[in-house]
């Protein structure tokens, strides 16, 4: 099992790391998981679809009043 985790900017990097690990080692490991704390949004809708297709188990913990997890603002 591979677990990628981080806080704030490190959480965004952990999300990208989870994709990289799933692509590189997805056939060799049982599961790739990502646990993020206060991560800004990463990628666009195409990236989100690709991320979901990889079967990564994801948890994203945010505080409602923290601006970082809500940035960049969706339009």
Protein backbone atom coordinates (compact mmCIF):
# COMPACT_ATOMS: atom_id res chain seq x y z
CA UNK A 1 0.00 0.00 0.00
CA UNK A 2 1.20 3.51 -0.81
CA UNK A 3 -0.02 6.49 1.23
CA UNK A 4 0.68 10.08 0.14
CA UNK A 5 -0.17 12.84 2.62
CA UNK A 6 0.56 16.52 3.19
CA UNK A 7 -0.64 19.88 4.44
CA UNK A 8 -1.42 22.99 2.36
CA UNK A 9 1.02 23.15 -0.58
CA UNK A 10 2.45 19.78 0.49
CA UNK A 11 -1.07 18.36 0.22
CA UNK A 12 -1.33 19.53 -3.38
CA UNK A 13 2.00 17.85 -4.11
CA UNK A 14 0.75 14.70 -2.34
CA UNK A 15 -2.27 14.63 -4.67
CA UNK A 16 0.01 14.79 -7.70
CA UNK A 17 2.28 12.19 -6.10
CA UNK A 18 -0.72 9.87 -5.70
CA UNK A 19 -1.39 10.07 -9.44
CA UNK A 20 2.26 9.40 -10.22
CA UNK A 21 2.38 6.40 -7.86
CA UNK A 22 -0.87 4.96 -9.26
CA UNK A 23 0.46 5.24 -12.82
CA UNK A 24 3.92 3.87 -12.00
CA UNK A 25 3.14 1.20 -9.43
CA UNK A 26 -0.62 0.61 -9.73
CA UNK A 27 -0.15 -2.99 -10.89
CA UNK A 28 2.40 -3.80 -8.16
CA UNK A 29 0.61 -2.45 -5.06
CA UNK A 30 -2.74 -3.22 -3.53
CA UNK A 31 -3.86 0.35 -3.08
CA UNK A 32 -2.76 3.96 -3.51
CA UNK A 33 -4.28 6.38 -0.98
CA UNK A 34 -4.08 10.17 -0.61
CA UNK A 35 -4.90 12.03 2.62
CA UNK A 36 -4.76 15.82 2.33
CA UNK A 37 -5.08 18.52 4.96
CA UNK A 38 -5.93 22.02 3.71
CA UNK A 39 -4.99 21.38 0.08
CA UNK A 40 -5.70 23.94 -2.63
CA UNK A 41 -7.56 22.57 -5.63
CA UNK A 42 -5.36 20.89 -8.23
CA UNK A 43 -6.06 20.28 -11.91
CA UNK A 44 -9.13 20.90 -14.00
CA UNK A 45 -12.20 18.76 -14.77
CA UNK A 46 -10.22 16.55 -17.20
CA UNK A 47 -7.62 15.93 -14.47
CA UNK A 48 -10.40 15.14 -11.97
CA UNK A 49 -11.86 12.53 -14.33
CA UNK A 50 -8.44 10.98 -14.87
CA UNK A 51 -7.76 10.97 -11.11
CA UNK A 52 -11.05 9.16 -10.44
CA UNK A 53 -10.36 6.62 -13.18
CA UNK A 54 -7.15 5.57 -11.39
CA UNK A 55 -9.10 4.31 -8.37
CA UNK A 56 -7.12 6.30 -5.82
CA UNK A 57 -8.65 6.27 -2.33
CA UNK A 58 -8.82 9.98 -1.35
CA UNK A 59 -9.55 11.94 1.81
CA UNK A 60 -9.43 15.74 1.84
CA UNK A 61 -9.75 17.46 5.23
CA UNK A 62 -10.51 21.21 5.18
CA UNK A 63 -11.65 23.93 7.54
CA UNK A 64 -14.51 25.96 6.11
CA UNK A 65 -12.94 29.33 6.97
CA UNK A 66 -9.49 28.47 5.58
CA UNK A 67 -9.09 30.23 2.21
CA UNK A 68 -6.41 27.87 0.81
CA UNK A 69 -8.72 24.86 0.18
CA UNK A 70 -11.14 27.14 -1.67
CA UNK A 71 -8.49 28.60 -3.95
CA UNK A 72 -8.45 28.97 -6.91
CA UNK A 73 -12.07 30.03 -6.98
CA UNK A 74 -14.18 27.92 -9.36
CA UNK A 75 -15.87 29.84 -12.16
